[in-house]
Amino acid sequence: MSSHRMSMPQALTPQEAAELAEGQPGPTVWLEGDEAHHAVRVKRLGGGDTVELLDGSGWVCQGVIEQVDKRPKTREGGGWTIGVRITGAHRVARLSPEVELCVAVPKGERFETMASMVSQVGVATLRALETKRTVSDPRPGKLDRVRRICAESAKQCGRAWTMEIAPVVAFERAIEPAEGASLVVADASGGLYQPTGSGSVRLLIGPEGGWTDKELARARAAGAQIASFGAHVMRIETAAVVASSAVLIAERAHKESGA
C-alpha cells in the first residue's frame, strides 16, 4: 500500500462501493486546492503514481493518478488539479472503545499540539472542558483551526476516521455521559486505571490548577472511576496523551484476554 495519503473530496456512494467490492472499475475523483498543490509540488507525485485516499468517515481507497493539470489562477479558482482513478476501497471500523476526551484547554498553541497528538493516539472525540479553574476558552476560529490540524493528522497517521472536535462542555454536563458509556476522571488521588469493557469511555483531564474538592466529590457521586496515570504532575497536553493511550491499551488488552 502506498504511503502517499491524501484526502478524498467526498465519500463513495453505496453503489460505487458495491461495484468496487465486486471488482468493477472505480470512479475517478478530482483533487484540487492545497491538497493537489502539496501532492505535485512537495511530494512530486505524477501520472501513474499510486496513492491512498482517506475521506475521514471510514473509507480507505487505493487509486492511481491518471491526470495532472494546472489552470491559471483567477478569482474563481485555478491551480493544480489531480484526477485519481479508484482501484479499490474498504471501510474501516472505528476503534473500540471510542474515547471521548474532555480536557481543560491549555493556553496558546499547546491545545493545537495536543489535538494533533491525541488524534494520532486514536481519540474519537475531543471537547474543551469548562471547569472551576479553566484558564482558556477556545473561540470558534481556534476550534476551526484545530479541525484542520486533525484532518492533516489523520492523513499523517493513516486513521480512517478523523477525530471529531465537539462543542465545549461544562463539567456538570461532562460527568453525565451517554447511557452505556464509562466515565473516567484523571487525578493523582486515584488508583491505577481499571478496564471497563465499555464501548465508549469519556475521559476528563482537568486544568493545571487541578480539580476542586467539590468537582472530585461530584465526579465520584456520578460513578466516575478516579484514575492516576503517572507518578508525577504533568502538563495538560502530556496528561491527555498519556491517559488516552493508557485507556485504549488497557481496554484492548482486556478485550483480547476475554476477561
Foldseek 3Di string as FASTA:
>chain_A
DDLAEAEFPDDDDPVQQVCQVVQHWHDKGKDDDPRQCCCCPPVVDDFQDKYWYAHQQFKIWIWTWHDWDFADQDPVGTGIMIITTTRHMDGDDAAFQAEEEEEQDDDDCLNLVLLLLVLLLRHQEYAHEDAPPRDDDDDPVVLVVSQVSQVVSCSNNVPRHGRHYDYHDYLVVLLVDDPQEAEAEEDPVAAADDADLTSYYYYYYYALVDHDPVSVVVSVVSVYHYHYQDDDRDHRSVCRNSVSNSRSVNSVVCVVVVD
